PDB file of N, CA and C in Angstrom:
ATOM      1  N   MET A   1     -51.748 -73.640  20.423  1.00  0.00           N
ATOM      2  CA  MET A   1     -50.907 -73.935  19.289  1.00  0.00           C
ATOM      3  C   MET A   1     -51.729 -74.660  18.253  1.00  0.00           C
ATOM      4  N   ALA A   2     -51.374 -74.506  17.053  1.00  0.00           N
ATOM      5  CA  ALA A   2     -52.019 -75.237  15.978  1.00  0.00           C
ATOM      6  C   ALA A   2     -51.392 -76.619  15.882  1.00  0.00           C
ATOM      7  N   VAL A   3     -52.037 -77.468  15.150  1.00  0.00           N
ATOM      8  CA  VAL A   3     -51.462 -78.783  14.889  1.00  0.00           C
ATOM      9  C   VAL A   3     -50.860 -78.772  13.495  1.00  0.00           C
ATOM     10  N   MET A   4     -50.059 -79.784  13.216  1.00  0.00           N
ATOM     11  CA  MET A   4     -49.475 -79.902  11.880  1.00  0.00           C
ATOM     12  C   MET A   4     -49.587 -81.351  11.427  1.00  0.00           C
ATOM     13  N   ILE A   5     -49.588 -81.544  10.125  1.00  0.00           N
ATOM     14  CA  ILE A   5     -49.691 -82.878   9.546  1.00  0.00           C
ATOM     15  C   ILE A   5     -48.339 -83.238   8.967  1.00  0.00           C
ATOM     16  N   GLY A   6     -47.837 -84.393   9.378  1.00  0.00           N
ATOM     17  CA  GLY A   6     -46.514 -84.829   8.952  1.00  0.00           C
ATOM     18  C   GLY A   6     -46.531 -85.648   7.675  1.00  0.00           C
ATOM     19  N   ASP A   7     -45.338 -86.041   7.267  1.00  0.00           N
ATOM     20  CA  ASP A   7     -45.158 -86.792   6.025  1.00  0.00           C
ATOM     21  C   ASP A   7     -45.826 -88.159   6.033  1.00  0.00           C
ATOM     22  N   GLU A   8     -46.224 -88.635   7.209  1.00  0.00           N
ATOM     23  CA  GLU A   8     -46.887 -89.933   7.300  1.00  0.00           C
ATOM     24  C   GLU A   8     -48.313 -89.901   6.758  1.00  0.00           C
ATOM     25  N   CYS A   9     -48.833 -88.716   6.487  1.00  0.00           N
ATOM     26  CA  CYS A   9     -50.206 -88.532   6.011  1.00  0.00           C
ATOM     27  C   CYS A   9     -50.468 -89.390   4.776  1.00  0.00           C
ATOM     28  N   ILE A  10     -51.618 -90.084   4.803  1.00  0.00           N
ATOM     29  CA  ILE A  10     -52.005 -90.920   3.663  1.00  0.00           C
ATOM     30  C   ILE A  10     -53.172 -90.292   2.886  1.00  0.00           C
ATOM     31  N   ALA A  11     -53.496 -89.039   3.193  1.00  0.00           N
ATOM     32  CA  ALA A  11     -54.550 -88.286   2.502  1.00  0.00           C
ATOM     33  C   ALA A  11     -55.878 -89.041   2.496  1.00  0.00           C
ATOM     34  N   CYS A  12     -56.241 -89.558   3.656  1.00  0.00           N
ATOM     35  CA  CYS A  12     -57.482 -90.344   3.758  1.00  0.00           C
ATOM     36  C   CYS A  12     -58.727 -89.470   3.907  1.00  0.00           C
ATOM     37  N   ASP A  13     -58.552 -88.182   4.236  1.00  0.00           N
ATOM     38  CA  ASP A  13     -59.636 -87.215   4.362  1.00  0.00           C
ATOM     39  C   ASP A  13     -60.359 -87.271   5.704  1.00  0.00           C
ATOM     40  N   ALA A  14     -59.988 -88.183   6.594  1.00  0.00           N
ATOM     41  CA  ALA A  14     -60.677 -88.305   7.882  1.00  0.00           C
ATOM     42  C   ALA A  14     -60.546 -87.026   8.703  1.00  0.00           C
ATOM     43  N   CYS A  15     -59.361 -86.455   8.762  1.00  0.00           N
ATOM     44  CA  CYS A  15     -59.148 -85.259   9.580  1.00  0.00           C
ATOM     45  C   CYS A  15     -59.893 -84.055   9.028  1.00  0.00           C
ATOM     46  N   ARG A  16     -59.882 -83.900   7.742  1.00  0.00           N
ATOM     47  CA  ARG A  16     -60.523 -82.734   7.121  1.00  0.00           C
ATOM     48  C   ARG A  16     -62.016 -82.720   7.404  1.00  0.00           C
ATOM     49  N   GLU A  17     -62.643 -83.877   7.348  1.00  0.00           N
ATOM     50  CA  GLU A  17     -64.075 -83.963   7.606  1.00  0.00           C
ATOM     51  C   GLU A  17     -64.423 -83.672   9.058  1.00  0.00           C
ATOM     52  N   GLU A  18     -63.501 -83.936   9.970  1.00  0.00           N
ATOM     53  CA  GLU A  18     -63.757 -83.747  11.397  1.00  0.00           C
ATOM     54  C   GLU A  18     -63.466 -82.331  11.892  1.00  0.00           C
ATOM     55  N   CYS A  19     -62.733 -81.541  11.144  1.00  0.00           N
ATOM     56  CA  CYS A  19     -62.296 -80.229  11.619  1.00  0.00           C
ATOM     57  C   CYS A  19     -63.460 -79.225  11.647  1.00  0.00           C
ATOM     58  N   PRO A  20     -63.863 -78.758  12.838  1.00  0.00           N
ATOM     59  CA  PRO A  20     -64.984 -77.823  12.921  1.00  0.00           C
ATOM     60  C   PRO A  20     -64.656 -76.425  12.407  1.00  0.00           C
ATOM     61  N   ASN A  21     -63.372 -76.100  12.296  1.00  0.00           N
ATOM     62  CA  ASN A  21     -62.959 -74.776  11.826  1.00  0.00           C
ATOM     63  C   ASN A  21     -62.571 -74.753  10.356  1.00  0.00           C
ATOM     64  N   GLU A  22     -62.692 -75.874   9.696  1.00  0.00           N
ATOM     65  CA  GLU A  22     -62.290 -76.002   8.291  1.00  0.00           C
ATOM     66  C   GLU A  22     -60.856 -75.516   8.091  1.00  0.00           C
ATOM     67  N   ALA A  23     -59.983 -75.908   9.028  1.00  0.00           N
ATOM     68  CA  ALA A  23     -58.587 -75.477   8.997  1.00  0.00           C
ATOM     69  C   ALA A  23     -57.699 -76.435   8.216  1.00  0.00           C
ATOM     70  N   ILE A  24     -58.215 -77.594   7.855  1.00  0.00           N
ATOM     71  CA  ILE A  24     -57.405 -78.594   7.158  1.00  0.00           C
ATOM     72  C   ILE A  24     -57.741 -78.560   5.679  1.00  0.00           C
ATOM     73  N   GLU A  25     -56.682 -78.454   4.880  1.00  0.00           N
ATOM     74  CA  GLU A  25     -56.852 -78.357   3.434  1.00  0.00           C
ATOM     75  C   GLU A  25     -56.163 -79.525   2.739  1.00  0.00           C
ATOM     76  N   GLU A  26     -56.758 -79.953   1.669  1.00  0.00           N
ATOM     77  CA  GLU A  26     -56.162 -81.019   0.877  1.00  0.00           C
ATOM     78  C   GLU A  26     -54.915 -80.489   0.191  1.00  0.00           C
ATOM     79  N   GLY A  27     -53.848 -81.244   0.281  1.00  0.00           N
ATOM     80  CA  GLY A  27     -52.607 -80.845  -0.348  1.00  0.00           C
ATOM     81  C   GLY A  27     -52.094 -81.933  -1.270  1.00  0.00           C
ATOM     82  N   ASP A  28     -50.968 -81.692  -1.850  1.00  0.00           N
ATOM     83  CA  ASP A  28     -50.390 -82.673  -2.760  1.00  0.00           C
ATOM     84  C   ASP A  28     -48.951 -82.932  -2.338  1.00  0.00           C
ATOM     85  N   PRO A  29     -48.622 -84.026  -1.744  1.00  0.00           N
ATOM     86  CA  PRO A  29     -49.445 -85.222  -1.565  1.00  0.00           C
ATOM     87  C   PRO A  29     -50.115 -85.302  -0.197  1.00  0.00           C
ATOM     88  N   ILE A  30     -49.738 -84.460   0.777  1.00  0.00           N
ATOM     89  CA  ILE A  30     -50.334 -84.569   2.103  1.00  0.00           C
ATOM     90  C   ILE A  30     -51.171 -83.333   2.407  1.00  0.00           C
ATOM     91  N   TYR A  31     -52.025 -83.473   3.409  1.00  0.00           N
ATOM     92  CA  TYR A  31     -52.880 -82.375   3.821  1.00  0.00           C
ATOM     93  C   TYR A  31     -52.088 -81.374   4.639  1.00  0.00           C
ATOM     94  N   SER A  32     -52.647 -80.171   4.816  1.00  0.00           N
ATOM     95  CA  SER A  32     -51.986 -79.148   5.627  1.00  0.00           C
ATOM     96  C   SER A  32     -53.019 -78.466   6.520  1.00  0.00           C
ATOM     97  N   VAL A  33     -52.514 -77.821   7.568  1.00  0.00           N
ATOM     98  CA  VAL A  33     -53.370 -77.127   8.536  1.00  0.00           C
ATOM     99  C   VAL A  33     -53.094 -75.634   8.453  1.00  0.00           C
ATOM    100  N   ASP A  34     -54.156 -74.844   8.355  1.00  0.00           N
ATOM    101  CA  ASP A  34     -54.039 -73.388   8.387  1.00  0.00           C
ATOM    102  C   ASP A  34     -53.961 -72.974   9.854  1.00  0.00           C
ATOM    103  N   PRO A  35     -52.790 -72.541  10.328  1.00  0.00           N
ATOM    104  CA  PRO A  35     -52.654 -72.204  11.748  1.00  0.00           C
ATOM    105  C   PRO A  35     -53.521 -71.015  12.175  1.00  0.00           C
ATOM    106  N   ASP A  36     -53.961 -70.208  11.237  1.00  0.00           N
ATOM    107  CA  ASP A  36     -54.832 -69.073  11.573  1.00  0.00           C
ATOM    108  C   ASP A  36     -56.262 -69.529  11.863  1.00  0.00           C
ATOM    109  N   ARG A  37     -56.619 -70.735  11.453  1.00  0.00           N
ATOM    110  CA  ARG A  37     -57.968 -71.255  11.692  1.00  0.00           C
ATOM    111  C   ARG A  37     -57.999 -72.365  12.734  1.00  0.00           C
ATOM    112  N   CYS A  38     -56.856 -72.958  13.035  1.00  0.00           N
ATOM    113  CA  CYS A  38     -56.808 -74.080  13.975  1.00  0.00           C
ATOM    114  C   CYS A  38     -56.844 -73.576  15.413  1.00  0.00           C
ATOM    115  N   THR A  39     -57.847 -74.028  16.165  1.00  0.00           N
ATOM    116  CA  THR A  39     -57.962 -73.693  17.587  1.00  0.00           C
ATOM    117  C   THR A  39     -57.773 -74.931  18.446  1.00  0.00           C
ATOM    118  N   GLU A  40     -57.264 -76.007  17.858  1.00  0.00           N
ATOM    119  CA  GLU A  40     -57.145 -77.302  18.533  1.00  0.00           C
ATOM    120  C   GLU A  40     -58.509 -77.727  19.070  1.00  0.00           C
ATOM    121  N   CYS A  41     -59.542 -77.339  18.377  1.00  0.00           N
ATOM    122  CA  CYS A  41     -60.941 -77.654  18.686  1.00  0.00           C
ATOM    123  C   CYS A  41     -61.457 -76.978  19.953  1.00  0.00           C
ATOM    124  N   ILE A  42     -60.692 -76.012  20.503  1.00  0.00           N
ATOM    125  CA  ILE A  42     -61.183 -75.219  21.634  1.00  0.00           C
ATOM    126  C   ILE A  42     -62.490 -74.571  21.192  1.00  0.00           C
ATOM    127  N   GLY A  43     -63.501 -74.662  22.041  1.00  0.00           N
ATOM    128  CA  GLY A  43     -64.810 -74.118  21.718  1.00  0.00           C
ATOM    129  C   GLY A  43     -65.755 -75.169  21.148  1.00  0.00           C
ATOM    130  N   TYR A  44     -65.201 -76.299  20.749  1.00  0.00           N
ATOM    131  CA  TYR A  44     -66.012 -77.382  20.202  1.00  0.00           C
ATOM    132  C   TYR A  44     -65.868 -78.666  20.998  1.00  0.00           C
ATOM    133  N   TYR A  45     -64.635 -79.098  21.205  1.00  0.00           N
ATOM    134  CA  TYR A  45     -64.358 -80.393  21.831  1.00  0.00           C
ATOM    135  C   TYR A  45     -63.256 -80.250  22.878  1.00  0.00           C
ATOM    136  N   ASP A  46     -63.045 -81.297  23.652  1.00  0.00           N
ATOM    137  CA  ASP A  46     -62.022 -81.295  24.701  1.00  0.00           C
ATOM    138  C   ASP A  46     -60.617 -81.515  24.163  1.00  0.00           C
ATOM    139  N   GLU A  47     -60.514 -82.069  22.975  1.00  0.00           N
ATOM    140  CA  GLU A  47     -59.205 -82.329  22.376  1.00  0.00           C
ATOM    141  C   GLU A  47     -59.327 -82.218  20.862  1.00  0.00           C
ATOM    142  N   PRO A  48     -58.221 -82.043  20.168  1.00  0.00           N
ATOM    143  CA  PRO A  48     -58.278 -81.938  18.706  1.00  0.00           C
ATOM    144  C   PRO A  48     -58.821 -83.239  18.076  1.00  0.00           C
ATOM    145  N   THR A  49     -59.930 -83.130  17.382  1.00  0.00           N
ATOM    146  CA  THR A  49     -60.537 -84.327  16.805  1.00  0.00           C
ATOM    147  C   THR A  49     -59.698 -84.904  15.674  1.00  0.00           C
ATOM    148  N   CYS A  50     -58.952 -84.062  14.984  1.00  0.00           N
ATOM    149  CA  CYS A  50     -58.148 -84.567  13.877  1.00  0.00           C
ATOM    150  C   CYS A  50     -57.117 -85.588  14.363  1.00  0.00           C
ATOM    151  N   ILE A  51     -56.547 -85.335  15.537  1.00  0.00           N
ATOM    152  CA  ILE A  51     -55.554 -86.264  16.082  1.00  0.00           C
ATOM    153  C   ILE A  51     -56.206 -87.601  16.408  1.00  0.00           C
ATOM    154  N   SER A  52     -57.393 -87.570  16.977  1.00  0.00           N
ATOM    155  CA  SER A  52     -58.042 -88.815  17.385  1.00  0.00           C
ATOM    156  C   SER A  52     -58.536 -89.651  16.207  1.00  0.00           C
ATOM    157  N   VAL A  53     -58.817 -89.040  15.053  1.00  0.00           N
ATOM    158  CA  VAL A  53     -59.316 -89.820  13.918  1.00  0.00           C
ATOM    159  C   VAL A  53     -58.231 -90.221  12.923  1.00  0.00           C
ATOM    160  N   CYS A  54     -57.030 -89.693  13.064  1.00  0.00           N
ATOM    161  CA  CYS A  54     -55.959 -90.001  12.109  1.00  0.00           C
ATOM    162  C   CYS A  54     -55.515 -91.460  12.261  1.00  0.00           C
ATOM    163  N   PRO A  55     -55.657 -92.254  11.210  1.00  0.00           N
ATOM    164  CA  PRO A  55     -55.320 -93.676  11.318  1.00  0.00           C
ATOM    165  C   PRO A  55     -53.822 -93.970  11.336  1.00  0.00           C
ATOM    166  N   VAL A  56     -52.984 -92.996  10.997  1.00  0.00           N
ATOM    167  CA  VAL A  56     -51.537 -93.244  10.946  1.00  0.00           C
ATOM    168  C   VAL A  56     -50.750 -92.323  11.893  1.00  0.00           C
ATOM    169  N   ASP A  57     -51.439 -91.653  12.791  1.00  0.00           N
ATOM    170  CA  ASP A  57     -50.792 -90.755  13.759  1.00  0.00           C
ATOM    171  C   ASP A  57     -49.875 -89.737  13.089  1.00  0.00           C
ATOM    172  N   ALA A  58     -50.366 -89.098  12.040  1.00  0.00           N
ATOM    173  CA  ALA A  58     -49.573 -88.122  11.289  1.00  0.00           C
ATOM    174  C   ALA A  58     -49.741 -86.697  11.804  1.00  0.00           C
ATOM    175  N   ILE A  59     -50.608 -86.493  12.796  1.00  0.00           N
ATOM    176  CA  ILE A  59     -50.913 -85.135  13.266  1.00  0.00           C
ATOM    177  C   ILE A  59     -50.345 -84.936  14.668  1.00  0.00           C
ATOM    178  N   SER A  60     -49.669 -83.818  14.836  1.00  0.00           N
ATOM    179  CA  SER A  60     -49.063 -83.502  16.129  1.00  0.00           C
ATOM    180  C   SER A  60     -49.070 -81.993  16.338  1.00  0.00           C
ATOM    181  N   ALA A  61     -48.650 -81.581  17.524  1.00  0.00           N
ATOM    182  CA  ALA A  61     -48.555 -80.149  17.817  1.00  0.00           C
ATOM    183  C   ALA A  61     -47.514 -79.507  16.912  1.00  0.00           C
ATOM    184  N   ASP A  62     -47.796 -78.284  16.489  1.00  0.00           N
ATOM    185  CA  ASP A  62     -46.884 -77.548  15.629  1.00  0.00           C
ATOM    186  C   ASP A  62     -46.004 -76.649  16.497  1.00  0.00           C
ATOM    187  N   PRO A  63     -44.721 -76.970  16.630  1.00  0.00           N
ATOM    188  CA  PRO A  63     -43.853 -76.171  17.498  1.00  0.00           C
ATOM    189  C   PRO A  63     -43.650 -74.736  17.012  1.00  0.00           C
ATOM    190  N   ASP A  64     -43.971 -74.464  15.758  1.00  0.00           N
ATOM    191  CA  ASP A  64     -43.830 -73.110  15.223  1.00  0.00           C
ATOM    192  C   ASP A  64     -45.055 -72.243  15.483  1.00  0.00           C
ATOM    193  N   ASN A  65     -46.107 -72.828  16.039  1.00  0.00           N
ATOM    194  CA  ASN A  65     -47.349 -72.095  16.299  1.00  0.00           C
ATOM    195  C   ASN A  65     -47.866 -72.392  17.701  1.00  0.00           C
ATOM    196  N   MET A  66     -47.081 -72.053  18.702  1.00  0.00           N
ATOM    197  CA  MET A  66     -47.456 -72.281  20.090  1.00  0.00           C
ATOM    198  C   MET A  66     -48.395 -71.166  20.561  1.00  0.00           C
ATOM    199  N   GLU A  67     -49.527 -71.561  21.166  1.00  0.00           N
ATOM    200  CA  GLU A  67     -50.500 -70.603  21.678  1.00  0.00           C
ATOM    201  C   GLU A  67     -51.044 -71.111  23.008  1.00  0.00           C
ATOM    202  N   SER A  68     -51.394 -70.187  23.882  1.00  0.00           N
ATOM    203  CA  SER A  68     -51.991 -70.552  25.163  1.00  0.00           C
ATOM    204  C   SER A  68     -53.479 -70.879  24.958  1.00  0.00           C
ATOM    205  N   ILE A  69     -54.079 -71.457  25.977  1.00  0.00           N
ATOM    206  CA  ILE A  69     -55.517 -71.746  25.934  1.00  0.00           C
ATOM    207  C   ILE A  69     -56.301 -70.447  25.726  1.00  0.00           C
ATOM    208  N   GLU A  70     -55.877 -69.387  26.387  1.00  0.00           N
ATOM    209  CA  GLU A  70     -56.562 -68.099  26.246  1.00  0.00           C
ATOM    210  C   GLU A  70     -56.481 -67.584  24.807  1.00  0.00           C
ATOM    211  N   GLU A  71     -55.315 -67.734  24.180  1.00  0.00           N
ATOM    212  CA  GLU A  71     -55.162 -67.301  22.792  1.00  0.00           C
ATOM    213  C   GLU A  71     -56.028 -68.143  21.861  1.00  0.00           C
ATOM    214  N   LEU A  72     -56.103 -69.438  22.119  1.00  0.00           N
ATOM    215  CA  LEU A  72     -56.946 -70.308  21.293  1.00  0.00           C
ATOM    216  C   LEU A  72     -58.421 -69.961  21.465  1.00  0.00           C
ATOM    217  N   LYS A  73     -58.839 -69.663  22.687  1.00  0.00           N
ATOM    218  CA  LYS A  73     -60.226 -69.254  22.929  1.00  0.00           C
ATOM    219  C   LYS A  73     -60.538 -67.948  22.199  1.00  0.00           C
ATOM    220  N   PHE A  74     -59.597 -66.999  22.240  1.00  0.00           N
ATOM    221  CA  PHE A  74     -59.788 -65.726  21.540  1.00  0.00           C
ATOM    222  C   PHE A  74     -59.904 -65.963  20.033  1.00  0.00           C
ATOM    223  N   LYS A  75     -59.045 -66.816  19.492  1.00  0.00           N
ATOM    224  CA  LYS A  75     -59.100 -67.123  18.054  1.00  0.00           C
ATOM    225  C   LYS A  75     -60.446 -67.756  17.700  1.00  0.00           C
ATOM    226  N   PHE A  76     -60.931 -68.680  18.541  1.00  0.00           N
ATOM    227  CA  PHE A  76     -62.236 -69.300  18.330  1.00  0.00           C
ATOM    228  C   PHE A  76     -63.328 -68.237  18.278  1.00  0.00           C
ATOM    229  N   GLU A  77     -63.304 -67.308  19.236  1.00  0.00           N
ATOM    230  CA  GLU A  77     -64.316 -66.251  19.281  1.00  0.00           C
ATOM    231  C   GLU A  77     -64.252 -65.372  18.024  1.00  0.00           C
ATOM    232  N   GLN A  78     -63.054 -65.051  17.575  1.00  0.00           N
ATOM    233  CA  GLN A  78     -62.893 -64.237  16.373  1.00  0.00           C
ATOM    234  C   GLN A  78     -63.401 -64.968  15.127  1.00  0.00           C
ATOM    235  N   LEU A  79     -63.134 -66.250  15.055  1.00  0.00           N
ATOM    236  CA  LEU A  79     -63.616 -67.035  13.910  1.00  0.00           C
ATOM    237  C   LEU A  79     -65.140 -67.092  13.918  1.00  0.00           C
ATOM    238  N   GLN A  80     -65.747 -67.209  15.099  1.00  0.00           N
ATOM    239  CA  GLN A  80     -67.201 -67.254  15.197  1.00  0.00           C
ATOM    240  C   GLN A  80     -67.833 -65.937  14.750  1.00  0.00           C
ATOM    241  N   LYS A  81     -67.188 -64.832  15.060  1.00  0.00           N
ATOM    242  CA  LYS A  81     -67.714 -63.517  14.660  1.00  0.00           C
ATOM    243  C   LYS A  81     -67.662 -63.343  13.146  1.00  0.00           C
ATOM    244  N   GLY A  82     -66.660 -63.956  12.518  1.00  0.00           N
ATOM    245  CA  GLY A  82     -66.473 -63.797  11.078  1.00  0.00           C
ATOM    246  C   GLY A  82     -67.366 -64.694  10.240  1.00  0.00           C
ATOM    247  N   GLU A  83     -68.043 -65.634  10.872  1.00  0.00           N
ATOM    248  CA  GLU A  83     -68.892 -66.571  10.103  1.00  0.00           C
ATOM    249  C   GLU A  83     -70.320 -66.153  10.070  1.00  0.00           C
TER     250      GLU A  83
END
């Protein structure tokens, strides 16, 4: 599943800089996550780095974009082929 950024976002830019898939985009007033690029850091790290660096706990699982580990791994592989 992808993650999502809630209204608590303070637009500090910490999550965007940490995202290895460049799935986080600056928004107005809060940031957003592209679910087509978010692999929850599968292929890079053991857990989503954006969640661990968010100073206000504004990032959580997106219930509208639930994916299995296998689906996230496949998405990671597809993103790697496209780069």
